[in-house]
């Protein structure tokens, strides 16, 4: 359920972001091959979820796949992540005046990987992550390694093959700043969701 809810909410949010950005930008915010590689890296991070710790409260009664619950989660948390994609788009276009398609796509590529992997830790538990609930060490290790990969790939020949380019440090700072802001808002959104629907994962 963690994997399914994480995947549907993040993918739905990203689809919304791509549609909105494509309507206003003179180029694609991310190419199909970049989206595929990004998704592959993120999926590698999610592959460690079967090893993850489960909160005791989640084991008190049997759970079943509930499509209605999945829909609620996707439609609630997806737009939250999409909102921060749009913040990145607006920042790049209006404040940093990024007009080069490759630079724009690279920043969003790296941001998507970083924010999704960090966001995974926010969503994996109904509690406050890192404080009230800790993930399995395999989840932590894979997240850290893949975040590094997501930031380093644009500086490699593989990155060049898929249209990515090296980016300045100020953009890396932007990636982490928006990701941190997303974490705080996602924690707040999580409380609202639990209060409204009486459940989380």
N, C-alpha and C. Protein backbone atom coordinates (compact mmCIF):
# COMPACT_ATOMS: atom_id res chain seq x y z
N UNK A 1 0.83 -1.21 0.00
CA UNK A 1 0.00 0.00 0.00
C UNK A 1 0.87 1.26 0.00
N UNK A 2 1.98 1.19 0.70
CA UNK A 2 2.89 2.35 0.67
C UNK A 2 3.34 2.63 -0.75
N UNK A 3 3.77 1.58 -1.43
CA UNK A 3 4.28 1.75 -2.80
C UNK A 3 3.18 2.26 -3.73
N UNK A 4 2.00 1.66 -3.64
CA UNK A 4 0.91 2.03 -4.53
C UNK A 4 0.47 3.48 -4.31
N UNK A 5 0.30 3.86 -3.04
CA UNK A 5 -0.15 5.23 -2.75
C UNK A 5 0.93 6.25 -3.09
N UNK A 6 2.17 5.92 -2.82
CA UNK A 6 3.26 6.83 -3.19
C UNK A 6 3.32 7.03 -4.70
N UNK A 7 3.28 5.91 -5.43
CA UNK A 7 3.41 5.98 -6.89
C UNK A 7 2.25 6.74 -7.53
N UNK A 8 1.03 6.42 -7.12
CA UNK A 8 -0.13 7.07 -7.75
C UNK A 8 -0.17 8.56 -7.44
N UNK A 9 0.14 8.93 -6.20
CA UNK A 9 0.06 10.36 -5.84
C UNK A 9 1.15 11.17 -6.53
N UNK A 10 2.41 10.66 -6.51
CA UNK A 10 3.49 11.40 -7.15
C UNK A 10 3.33 11.45 -8.66
N UNK A 11 2.92 10.32 -9.27
CA UNK A 11 2.74 10.29 -10.72
C UNK A 11 1.60 11.19 -11.17
N UNK A 12 0.50 11.17 -10.40
CA UNK A 12 -0.63 12.04 -10.72
C UNK A 12 -0.20 13.50 -10.62
N UNK A 13 0.53 13.83 -9.56
CA UNK A 13 1.00 15.20 -9.40
C UNK A 13 1.92 15.63 -10.53
N UNK A 14 2.78 14.72 -10.96
CA UNK A 14 3.73 15.05 -12.03
C UNK A 14 3.00 15.23 -13.37
N UNK A 15 1.99 14.42 -13.62
CA UNK A 15 1.20 14.57 -14.85
C UNK A 15 0.53 15.95 -14.88
N UNK A 16 -0.06 16.34 -13.74
CA UNK A 16 -0.70 17.65 -13.64
C UNK A 16 0.34 18.75 -13.90
N UNK A 17 1.52 18.61 -13.32
CA UNK A 17 2.58 19.61 -13.50
C UNK A 17 3.01 19.72 -14.95
N UNK A 18 3.19 18.58 -15.61
CA UNK A 18 3.61 18.58 -17.02
C UNK A 18 2.57 19.25 -17.89
N UNK A 19 1.30 18.96 -17.65
CA UNK A 19 0.22 19.56 -18.44
C UNK A 19 0.19 21.07 -18.26
N UNK A 20 0.28 21.51 -17.01
CA UNK A 20 0.24 22.96 -16.74
C UNK A 20 1.46 23.65 -17.35
N UNK A 21 2.65 23.09 -17.11
CA UNK A 21 3.87 23.71 -17.63
C UNK A 21 3.90 23.73 -19.16
N UNK A 22 3.44 22.65 -19.78
CA UNK A 22 3.46 22.56 -21.24
C UNK A 22 2.55 23.60 -21.89
N UNK A 23 1.53 24.03 -21.15
CA UNK A 23 0.60 25.02 -21.68
C UNK A 23 1.22 26.41 -21.72
N UNK A 24 2.26 26.64 -20.91
CA UNK A 24 2.84 27.98 -20.82
C UNK A 24 4.27 28.08 -21.32
N UNK A 25 5.01 26.99 -21.25
CA UNK A 25 6.41 27.04 -21.67
C UNK A 25 6.54 26.83 -23.18
N UNK A 26 7.56 27.41 -23.80
CA UNK A 26 7.78 27.22 -25.24
C UNK A 26 8.49 25.91 -25.56
N UNK A 27 8.73 25.08 -24.53
CA UNK A 27 9.38 23.79 -24.72
C UNK A 27 8.83 22.83 -23.67
N UNK A 28 9.10 21.54 -23.85
CA UNK A 28 8.65 20.55 -22.87
C UNK A 28 9.42 20.72 -21.57
N UNK A 29 8.73 20.69 -20.42
CA UNK A 29 9.45 20.82 -19.14
C UNK A 29 10.39 19.66 -18.87
N UNK A 30 10.11 18.53 -19.51
CA UNK A 30 10.99 17.36 -19.41
C UNK A 30 10.69 16.46 -20.60
N UNK A 31 11.73 15.90 -21.21
CA UNK A 31 11.52 15.04 -22.37
C UNK A 31 11.07 13.65 -21.92
N UNK A 32 10.47 12.87 -22.82
CA UNK A 32 10.03 11.52 -22.45
C UNK A 32 11.14 10.64 -21.89
N UNK A 33 12.33 10.68 -22.49
CA UNK A 33 13.42 9.83 -21.99
C UNK A 33 13.86 10.28 -20.60
N UNK A 34 13.84 11.58 -20.35
CA UNK A 34 14.19 12.09 -19.02
C UNK A 34 13.17 11.65 -17.98
N UNK A 35 11.90 11.67 -18.35
CA UNK A 35 10.85 11.22 -17.44
C UNK A 35 11.01 9.73 -17.12
N UNK A 36 11.37 8.95 -18.13
CA UNK A 36 11.55 7.51 -17.92
C UNK A 36 12.73 7.22 -17.00
N UNK A 37 13.84 7.91 -17.22
CA UNK A 37 15.03 7.70 -16.37
C UNK A 37 14.74 8.17 -14.95
N UNK A 38 14.08 9.30 -14.82
CA UNK A 38 13.71 9.81 -13.51
C UNK A 38 12.82 8.82 -12.77
N UNK A 39 11.82 8.29 -13.47
CA UNK A 39 10.92 7.31 -12.87
C UNK A 39 11.64 6.03 -12.48
N UNK A 40 12.60 5.62 -13.30
CA UNK A 40 13.37 4.41 -13.01
C UNK A 40 14.18 4.59 -11.73
N UNK A 41 14.85 5.74 -11.59
CA UNK A 41 15.65 6.01 -10.39
C UNK A 41 14.77 6.04 -9.16
N UNK A 42 13.62 6.70 -9.28
CA UNK A 42 12.72 6.79 -8.14
C UNK A 42 12.17 5.42 -7.77
N UNK A 43 11.88 4.59 -8.77
CA UNK A 43 11.39 3.23 -8.50
C UNK A 43 12.44 2.38 -7.78
N UNK A 44 13.71 2.61 -8.10
CA UNK A 44 14.77 1.90 -7.39
C UNK A 44 14.70 2.22 -5.90
N UNK A 45 14.40 3.48 -5.59
CA UNK A 45 14.27 3.87 -4.19
C UNK A 45 13.09 3.21 -3.52
N UNK A 46 12.00 3.09 -4.25
CA UNK A 46 10.79 2.48 -3.69
C UNK A 46 10.93 0.96 -3.53
N UNK A 47 11.87 0.36 -4.26
CA UNK A 47 12.04 -1.09 -4.18
C UNK A 47 12.51 -1.54 -2.79
N UNK A 48 12.98 -0.60 -1.97
CA UNK A 48 13.41 -0.96 -0.61
C UNK A 48 12.25 -0.92 0.38
N UNK A 49 11.08 -0.45 -0.04
CA UNK A 49 9.95 -0.35 0.87
C UNK A 49 9.51 -1.69 1.48
N UNK A 50 9.64 -2.83 0.79
CA UNK A 50 9.28 -4.10 1.43
C UNK A 50 10.09 -4.40 2.70
N UNK A 51 11.27 -3.76 2.82
CA UNK A 51 12.09 -3.95 4.02
C UNK A 51 11.75 -2.95 5.12
N UNK A 52 10.89 -1.98 4.80
CA UNK A 52 10.63 -0.87 5.72
C UNK A 52 9.92 -1.32 6.99
N UNK A 53 10.15 -0.55 8.05
CA UNK A 53 9.43 -0.77 9.30
C UNK A 53 7.98 -0.31 9.12
N UNK A 54 7.06 -0.96 9.84
CA UNK A 54 5.65 -0.58 9.79
C UNK A 54 5.24 -0.14 11.19
N UNK A 55 4.58 1.00 11.28
CA UNK A 55 4.11 1.49 12.57
C UNK A 55 3.16 0.49 13.21
N UNK A 56 3.27 0.32 14.52
CA UNK A 56 2.45 -0.66 15.24
C UNK A 56 0.96 -0.42 15.01
N UNK A 57 0.57 0.85 14.92
CA UNK A 57 -0.84 1.19 14.73
C UNK A 57 -1.38 0.64 13.42
N UNK A 58 -0.50 0.50 12.44
CA UNK A 58 -0.92 0.01 11.13
C UNK A 58 -1.12 -1.50 11.11
N UNK A 59 -0.65 -2.18 12.17
CA UNK A 59 -0.75 -3.64 12.22
C UNK A 59 -1.85 -4.13 13.15
N UNK A 60 -2.63 -3.19 13.68
CA UNK A 60 -3.65 -3.58 14.66
C UNK A 60 -4.84 -4.29 14.03
N UNK A 61 -5.09 -4.02 12.77
CA UNK A 61 -6.19 -4.72 12.11
C UNK A 61 -5.83 -4.96 10.64
N UNK A 62 -6.40 -6.00 10.05
CA UNK A 62 -6.07 -6.32 8.64
C UNK A 62 -6.46 -5.18 7.70
N UNK A 63 -5.68 -5.02 6.65
CA UNK A 63 -5.97 -4.01 5.64
C UNK A 63 -6.20 -4.69 4.29
N UNK A 64 -7.02 -4.08 3.49
CA UNK A 64 -7.24 -4.58 2.14
C UNK A 64 -7.11 -3.44 1.15
N UNK A 65 -6.92 -3.78 -0.09
CA UNK A 65 -6.79 -2.77 -1.13
C UNK A 65 -8.14 -2.08 -1.31
N UNK A 66 -8.18 -0.80 -1.02
CA UNK A 66 -9.41 -0.01 -1.10
C UNK A 66 -9.23 1.04 -2.19
N UNK A 67 -9.90 0.86 -3.33
CA UNK A 67 -9.75 1.76 -4.47
C UNK A 67 -10.24 3.17 -4.13
N UNK A 68 -11.30 3.25 -3.33
CA UNK A 68 -11.82 4.56 -2.94
C UNK A 68 -10.79 5.32 -2.10
N UNK A 69 -10.16 4.61 -1.18
CA UNK A 69 -9.12 5.22 -0.35
C UNK A 69 -7.94 5.65 -1.21
N UNK A 70 -7.57 4.82 -2.17
CA UNK A 70 -6.46 5.13 -3.08
C UNK A 70 -6.77 6.39 -3.89
N UNK A 71 -8.00 6.50 -4.35
CA UNK A 71 -8.41 7.68 -5.13
C UNK A 71 -8.35 8.95 -4.28
N UNK A 72 -8.85 8.85 -3.05
CA UNK A 72 -8.80 10.00 -2.15
C UNK A 72 -7.37 10.45 -1.92
N UNK A 73 -6.49 9.48 -1.69
CA UNK A 73 -5.08 9.79 -1.42
C UNK A 73 -4.43 10.45 -2.63
N UNK A 74 -4.66 9.89 -3.80
CA UNK A 74 -4.07 10.41 -5.02
C UNK A 74 -4.53 11.83 -5.32
N UNK A 75 -5.83 12.06 -5.19
CA UNK A 75 -6.39 13.38 -5.51
C UNK A 75 -6.06 14.42 -4.46
N UNK A 76 -5.71 13.97 -3.25
CA UNK A 76 -5.36 14.91 -2.18
C UNK A 76 -3.88 15.25 -2.18
N UNK A 77 -3.02 14.21 -2.19
CA UNK A 77 -1.58 14.45 -2.08
C UNK A 77 -0.92 14.76 -3.42
N UNK A 78 -1.51 14.28 -4.53
CA UNK A 78 -0.94 14.57 -5.84
C UNK A 78 -0.82 16.06 -6.12
N UNK A 79 -1.90 16.83 -5.95
CA UNK A 79 -1.82 18.28 -6.18
C UNK A 79 -0.87 19.00 -5.23
N UNK A 80 -0.65 18.44 -4.04
CA UNK A 80 0.30 19.06 -3.10
C UNK A 80 1.70 19.04 -3.70
N UNK A 81 2.12 17.88 -4.22
CA UNK A 81 3.44 17.80 -4.85
C UNK A 81 3.49 18.63 -6.13
N UNK A 82 2.39 18.65 -6.87
CA UNK A 82 2.33 19.43 -8.10
C UNK A 82 2.50 20.93 -7.83
N UNK A 83 1.95 21.38 -6.71
CA UNK A 83 2.05 22.79 -6.35
C UNK A 83 3.51 23.24 -6.25
N UNK A 84 4.36 22.35 -5.73
CA UNK A 84 5.77 22.71 -5.58
C UNK A 84 6.54 22.56 -6.88
N UNK A 85 6.07 21.69 -7.76
CA UNK A 85 6.63 21.67 -9.12
C UNK A 85 6.41 23.03 -9.77
N UNK A 86 5.21 23.56 -9.61
CA UNK A 86 4.88 24.85 -10.21
C UNK A 86 5.72 25.97 -9.60
N UNK A 87 6.00 25.88 -8.29
CA UNK A 87 6.86 26.87 -7.64
C UNK A 87 8.26 26.85 -8.28
N UNK A 88 8.76 25.64 -8.57
CA UNK A 88 10.06 25.52 -9.23
C UNK A 88 9.99 26.14 -10.63
N UNK A 89 8.93 25.84 -11.37
CA UNK A 89 8.78 26.40 -12.72
C UNK A 89 8.78 27.94 -12.68
N UNK A 90 7.97 28.49 -11.80
CA UNK A 90 7.85 29.95 -11.69
C UNK A 90 9.19 30.58 -11.29
N UNK A 91 9.87 29.94 -10.34
CA UNK A 91 11.16 30.46 -9.89
C UNK A 91 12.17 30.48 -11.02
N UNK A 92 12.21 29.39 -11.79
CA UNK A 92 13.18 29.30 -12.90
C UNK A 92 12.88 30.31 -13.99
N UNK A 93 11.60 30.47 -14.33
CA UNK A 93 11.24 31.33 -15.45
C UNK A 93 11.29 32.82 -15.11
N UNK A 94 10.74 33.17 -13.94
CA UNK A 94 10.61 34.59 -13.61
C UNK A 94 11.75 35.15 -12.75
N UNK A 95 12.30 34.35 -11.85
CA UNK A 95 13.33 34.87 -10.95
C UNK A 95 14.74 34.57 -11.43
N UNK A 96 14.94 33.41 -12.05
CA UNK A 96 16.26 33.07 -12.55
C UNK A 96 16.38 33.27 -14.06
N UNK A 97 15.27 33.59 -14.70
CA UNK A 97 15.23 33.87 -16.15
C UNK A 97 15.87 32.75 -16.98
N UNK A 98 15.55 31.52 -16.62
CA UNK A 98 16.07 30.37 -17.37
C UNK A 98 15.23 30.20 -18.64
N UNK A 99 15.87 30.37 -19.77
CA UNK A 99 15.18 30.24 -21.05
C UNK A 99 15.72 29.07 -21.87
N UNK A 100 16.81 28.49 -21.41
CA UNK A 100 17.41 27.35 -22.10
C UNK A 100 16.68 26.07 -21.71
N UNK A 101 16.15 25.36 -22.70
CA UNK A 101 15.34 24.17 -22.44
C UNK A 101 16.12 23.11 -21.66
N UNK A 102 17.37 22.84 -22.05
CA UNK A 102 18.16 21.79 -21.41
C UNK A 102 18.41 22.09 -19.93
N UNK A 103 18.71 23.35 -19.62
CA UNK A 103 18.94 23.75 -18.22
C UNK A 103 17.67 23.61 -17.41
N UNK A 104 16.56 24.07 -17.97
CA UNK A 104 15.26 23.99 -17.30
C UNK A 104 14.90 22.53 -17.02
N UNK A 105 15.05 21.69 -18.03
CA UNK A 105 14.71 20.27 -17.90
C UNK A 105 15.61 19.57 -16.89
N UNK A 106 16.88 19.93 -16.87
CA UNK A 106 17.81 19.30 -15.93
C UNK A 106 17.45 19.63 -14.49
N UNK A 107 17.13 20.89 -14.24
CA UNK A 107 16.78 21.30 -12.87
C UNK A 107 15.53 20.57 -12.41
N UNK A 108 14.53 20.47 -13.29
CA UNK A 108 13.30 19.78 -12.87
C UNK A 108 13.55 18.28 -12.71
N UNK A 109 14.39 17.72 -13.56
CA UNK A 109 14.75 16.31 -13.45
C UNK A 109 15.34 16.02 -12.07
N UNK A 110 16.34 16.81 -11.66
CA UNK A 110 16.99 16.58 -10.37
C UNK A 110 16.05 16.90 -9.22
N UNK A 111 15.27 17.98 -9.37
CA UNK A 111 14.32 18.34 -8.31
C UNK A 111 13.30 17.22 -8.09
N UNK A 112 12.78 16.66 -9.17
CA UNK A 112 11.76 15.62 -9.06
C UNK A 112 12.29 14.41 -8.30
N UNK A 113 13.52 14.02 -8.58
CA UNK A 113 14.11 12.87 -7.90
C UNK A 113 14.31 13.18 -6.41
N UNK A 114 14.90 14.34 -6.12
CA UNK A 114 15.16 14.71 -4.72
C UNK A 114 13.86 14.84 -3.94
N UNK A 115 12.89 15.57 -4.48
CA UNK A 115 11.64 15.81 -3.75
C UNK A 115 10.83 14.53 -3.58
N UNK A 116 10.82 13.68 -4.57
CA UNK A 116 10.06 12.43 -4.46
C UNK A 116 10.68 11.48 -3.44
N UNK A 117 12.00 11.40 -3.41
CA UNK A 117 12.65 10.50 -2.47
C UNK A 117 12.56 11.01 -1.04
N UNK A 118 12.67 12.32 -0.86
CA UNK A 118 12.48 12.90 0.47
C UNK A 118 11.00 12.80 0.86
N UNK A 119 10.13 13.09 -0.10
CA UNK A 119 8.69 13.00 0.15
C UNK A 119 8.25 11.60 0.53
N UNK A 120 8.95 10.60 0.02
CA UNK A 120 8.64 9.22 0.36
C UNK A 120 8.73 8.99 1.87
N UNK A 121 9.66 9.66 2.51
CA UNK A 121 9.83 9.50 3.96
C UNK A 121 8.71 10.22 4.72
N UNK A 122 8.17 11.28 4.14
CA UNK A 122 7.05 11.98 4.77
C UNK A 122 5.79 11.11 4.68
N UNK A 123 5.61 10.47 3.53
CA UNK A 123 4.37 9.75 3.27
C UNK A 123 4.39 8.31 3.82
N UNK A 124 5.56 7.73 4.03
CA UNK A 124 5.64 6.32 4.43
C UNK A 124 5.05 6.04 5.81
N UNK A 125 4.80 7.07 6.61
CA UNK A 125 4.26 6.90 7.96
C UNK A 125 3.25 8.00 8.28
N UNK A 126 2.29 7.65 9.13
CA UNK A 126 1.33 8.65 9.59
C UNK A 126 1.93 9.56 10.65
N UNK A 127 3.08 9.15 11.19
CA UNK A 127 3.75 9.91 12.23
C UNK A 127 4.73 10.92 11.63
N UNK A 128 5.46 11.61 12.51
CA UNK A 128 6.49 12.54 12.05
C UNK A 128 7.74 11.74 11.71
N UNK A 129 8.15 11.73 10.44
CA UNK A 129 9.32 10.92 10.06
C UNK A 129 10.60 11.43 10.71
N UNK A 130 11.55 10.55 10.86
CA UNK A 130 12.86 10.83 11.43
C UNK A 130 12.81 11.09 12.94
N UNK A 131 11.62 11.37 13.48
CA UNK A 131 11.48 11.66 14.91
C UNK A 131 10.63 10.60 15.60
N UNK A 132 9.39 10.46 15.15
CA UNK A 132 8.47 9.49 15.75
C UNK A 132 8.53 8.13 15.05
N UNK A 133 8.99 8.12 13.81
CA UNK A 133 9.04 6.88 13.03
C UNK A 133 10.25 6.90 12.10
N UNK A 134 11.10 5.89 12.24
CA UNK A 134 12.29 5.80 11.39
C UNK A 134 12.14 4.68 10.37
N UNK A 135 12.60 4.95 9.17
CA UNK A 135 12.56 3.95 8.11
C UNK A 135 13.65 2.91 8.35
N UNK A 136 13.55 1.80 7.64
CA UNK A 136 14.61 0.78 7.67
C UNK A 136 15.87 1.40 7.06
N UNK A 137 17.03 0.95 7.51
CA UNK A 137 18.28 1.51 7.02
C UNK A 137 18.44 1.34 5.51
N UNK A 138 17.83 0.29 4.93
CA UNK A 138 17.91 0.09 3.48
C UNK A 138 17.19 1.22 2.75
N UNK A 139 16.08 1.70 3.33
CA UNK A 139 15.33 2.81 2.72
C UNK A 139 16.14 4.10 2.80
N UNK A 140 16.77 4.33 3.95
CA UNK A 140 17.60 5.53 4.10
C UNK A 140 18.79 5.51 3.13
N UNK A 141 19.47 4.38 3.08
CA UNK A 141 20.66 4.27 2.24
C UNK A 141 20.32 4.46 0.76
N UNK A 142 19.26 3.80 0.31
CA UNK A 142 18.88 3.91 -1.11
C UNK A 142 18.45 5.34 -1.44
N UNK A 143 17.74 5.99 -0.51
CA UNK A 143 17.30 7.37 -0.75
C UNK A 143 18.49 8.31 -0.90
N UNK A 144 19.45 8.19 0.01
CA UNK A 144 20.63 9.06 -0.04
C UNK A 144 21.43 8.82 -1.31
N UNK A 145 21.66 7.56 -1.64
CA UNK A 145 22.45 7.23 -2.84
C UNK A 145 21.77 7.74 -4.11
N UNK A 146 20.45 7.55 -4.19
CA UNK A 146 19.74 7.95 -5.41
C UNK A 146 19.58 9.46 -5.51
N UNK A 147 19.51 10.16 -4.39
CA UNK A 147 19.51 11.62 -4.42
C UNK A 147 20.84 12.12 -4.99
N UNK A 148 21.93 11.50 -4.53
CA UNK A 148 23.25 11.85 -5.06
C UNK A 148 23.32 11.57 -6.56
N UNK A 149 22.81 10.41 -6.97
CA UNK A 149 22.79 10.06 -8.39
C UNK A 149 21.98 11.09 -9.19
N UNK A 150 20.82 11.47 -8.65
CA UNK A 150 19.96 12.43 -9.34
C UNK A 150 20.62 13.78 -9.55
N UNK A 151 21.50 14.15 -8.62
CA UNK A 151 22.21 15.43 -8.74
C UNK A 151 23.48 15.32 -9.59
N UNK A 152 24.06 14.14 -9.62
CA UNK A 152 25.34 13.96 -10.32
C UNK A 152 25.15 13.59 -11.80
N UNK A 153 24.08 12.87 -12.12
CA UNK A 153 23.85 12.42 -13.50
C UNK A 153 23.99 13.53 -14.55
N UNK A 154 23.46 14.74 -14.31
CA UNK A 154 23.62 15.79 -15.33
C UNK A 154 25.07 16.13 -15.66
N UNK A 155 26.01 15.78 -14.79
CA UNK A 155 27.41 16.09 -15.02
C UNK A 155 28.16 14.94 -15.69
N UNK A 156 27.43 13.89 -16.06
CA UNK A 156 28.05 12.70 -16.63
C UNK A 156 27.70 12.52 -18.11
N UNK A 157 28.43 11.66 -18.81
CA UNK A 157 28.09 11.36 -20.21
C UNK A 157 26.67 10.79 -20.36
N UNK A 158 26.23 10.00 -19.36
CA UNK A 158 24.86 9.47 -19.41
C UNK A 158 23.85 10.60 -19.41
N UNK A 159 24.11 11.61 -18.58
CA UNK A 159 23.22 12.76 -18.55
C UNK A 159 23.17 13.47 -19.90
N UNK A 160 24.34 13.63 -20.51
CA UNK A 160 24.40 14.28 -21.82
C UNK A 160 23.63 13.49 -22.87
N UNK A 161 23.65 12.16 -22.75
CA UNK A 161 22.95 11.30 -23.71
C UNK A 161 21.44 11.52 -23.67
N UNK A 162 20.90 11.88 -22.51
CA UNK A 162 19.45 12.07 -22.40
C UNK A 162 19.08 13.57 -22.36
N UNK A 163 20.04 14.41 -22.72
CA UNK A 163 19.74 15.83 -22.87
C UNK A 163 19.90 16.68 -21.63
N UNK A 164 20.58 16.14 -20.60
CA UNK A 164 20.80 16.91 -19.37
C UNK A 164 22.12 17.67 -19.48
N UNK A 165 22.22 18.75 -18.73
CA UNK A 165 23.44 19.57 -18.74
C UNK A 165 23.86 19.89 -17.30
N UNK A 166 25.14 20.18 -17.06
CA UNK A 166 25.57 20.60 -15.72
C UNK A 166 24.85 21.88 -15.30
N UNK A 167 24.50 21.98 -14.01
CA UNK A 167 23.79 23.16 -13.51
C UNK A 167 24.59 23.85 -12.41
N UNK A 168 24.34 25.14 -12.24
CA UNK A 168 25.06 25.93 -11.24
C UNK A 168 24.59 25.57 -9.82
N UNK A 169 25.41 25.89 -8.83
CA UNK A 169 25.11 25.56 -7.44
C UNK A 169 23.82 26.25 -6.97
N UNK A 170 23.53 27.45 -7.49
CA UNK A 170 22.33 28.16 -7.05
C UNK A 170 21.06 27.36 -7.35
N UNK A 171 21.09 26.58 -8.42
CA UNK A 171 19.93 25.76 -8.76
C UNK A 171 19.83 24.54 -7.85
N UNK A 172 20.96 24.01 -7.42
CA UNK A 172 20.95 22.91 -6.46
C UNK A 172 20.40 23.40 -5.13
N UNK A 173 20.76 24.63 -4.76
CA UNK A 173 20.22 25.23 -3.54
C UNK A 173 18.70 25.37 -3.66
N UNK A 174 18.23 25.81 -4.83
CA UNK A 174 16.79 25.94 -5.08
C UNK A 174 16.09 24.59 -4.92
N UNK A 175 16.70 23.54 -5.46
CA UNK A 175 16.13 22.20 -5.38
C UNK A 175 15.89 21.79 -3.93
N UNK A 176 16.90 21.99 -3.09
CA UNK A 176 16.77 21.59 -1.68
C UNK A 176 15.87 22.54 -0.89
N UNK A 177 15.88 23.81 -1.24
CA UNK A 177 15.03 24.77 -0.53
C UNK A 177 13.55 24.47 -0.77
N UNK A 178 13.18 24.22 -2.02
CA UNK A 178 11.78 23.92 -2.34
C UNK A 178 11.39 22.56 -1.77
N UNK A 179 12.32 21.60 -1.79
CA UNK A 179 12.04 20.28 -1.21
C UNK A 179 11.77 20.39 0.28
N UNK A 180 12.56 21.21 0.98
CA UNK A 180 12.36 21.41 2.42
C UNK A 180 11.00 22.05 2.68
N UNK A 181 10.64 23.03 1.88
CA UNK A 181 9.33 23.68 2.02
C UNK A 181 8.21 22.68 1.77
N UNK A 182 8.40 21.83 0.76
CA UNK A 182 7.41 20.80 0.47
C UNK A 182 7.21 19.87 1.66
N UNK A 183 8.30 19.51 2.33
CA UNK A 183 8.21 18.60 3.49
C UNK A 183 7.31 19.18 4.58
N UNK A 184 7.49 20.46 4.89
CA UNK A 184 6.69 21.09 5.94
C UNK A 184 5.21 21.16 5.54
N UNK A 185 4.95 21.50 4.29
CA UNK A 185 3.55 21.58 3.84
C UNK A 185 2.93 20.20 3.75
N UNK A 186 3.72 19.21 3.33
CA UNK A 186 3.21 17.83 3.24
C UNK A 186 2.86 17.28 4.63
N UNK A 187 3.65 17.63 5.63
CA UNK A 187 3.34 17.21 7.00
C UNK A 187 2.01 17.81 7.46
N UNK A 188 1.81 19.07 7.13
CA UNK A 188 0.55 19.75 7.47
C UNK A 188 -0.62 19.13 6.72
N UNK A 189 -0.40 18.85 5.42
CA UNK A 189 -1.45 18.23 4.60
C UNK A 189 -1.79 16.84 5.12
N UNK A 190 -0.78 16.13 5.61
CA UNK A 190 -1.00 14.79 6.16
C UNK A 190 -1.93 14.83 7.36
N UNK A 191 -1.74 15.81 8.23
CA UNK A 191 -2.61 15.96 9.40
C UNK A 191 -4.05 16.22 8.98
N UNK A 192 -4.22 17.06 7.97
CA UNK A 192 -5.57 17.37 7.48
C UNK A 192 -6.22 16.13 6.89
N UNK A 193 -5.44 15.37 6.11
CA UNK A 193 -5.97 14.16 5.47
C UNK A 193 -6.41 13.14 6.52
N UNK A 194 -5.56 12.91 7.51
CA UNK A 194 -5.88 11.93 8.55
C UNK A 194 -7.13 12.36 9.33
N UNK A 195 -7.24 13.64 9.60
CA UNK A 195 -8.41 14.15 10.32
C UNK A 195 -9.68 13.99 9.49
N UNK A 196 -9.54 14.19 8.18
CA UNK A 196 -10.70 14.12 7.29
C UNK A 196 -11.14 12.68 6.99
N UNK A 197 -10.16 11.81 6.71
CA UNK A 197 -10.49 10.44 6.28
C UNK A 197 -10.24 9.37 7.34
N UNK A 198 -9.59 9.74 8.44
CA UNK A 198 -9.38 8.78 9.52
C UNK A 198 -8.39 7.69 9.21
N UNK A 199 -7.52 7.89 8.24
CA UNK A 199 -6.53 6.88 7.86
C UNK A 199 -5.37 7.56 7.15
N UNK A 200 -4.32 6.80 6.90
CA UNK A 200 -3.20 7.29 6.10
C UNK A 200 -2.79 6.20 5.13
N UNK A 201 -1.72 5.49 5.41
CA UNK A 201 -1.28 4.40 4.53
C UNK A 201 -2.00 3.10 4.94
